[in-house]
Amino acid sequence: MPGFTIAAYVGAAVAEIAGCFAFWAWLRLGKSPLWLVPGVLSLCLFAWLLTLAETDQAGRAYAAYGGIYILSALGWLWAAEGVRPDRWDVIGVGLCLVGAAVILWGPRTA
């Protein structure tokens, strides 16, 4: 069911960005090391959510996830950093999403 995999990927992307931002906040913004606690938990959630992708190969799940992550990162750029993605960002993420769909749902021979 493609919808379930997409939902798992979107959740994984949010968890990964949140976890990575916690480290960014600590190391680059001078926040407390306590930011690492929710950051590590979020990264663990990210890893677990990736296992829910409906594919038997981990590498294929990770490769297809890349497109969703790129889309989410641009969403973060806009929502959290106040920088609106430009047309090249939109074109690039479109290409990545098409590639992710081909990787995940392309016809395979046994």
Foldseek 3Di string as FASTA:
>chain_A
DVVLQLVLLLLLLVLQVQLVVLVCCVPPVVDDPVSNVSSVVSNVSSVVSLVPHPDPDSVLSVQLSVLSNLVVVQVCCCPVVVDHDDPVSVVVSVVSNVVSCCSRPNDDDD
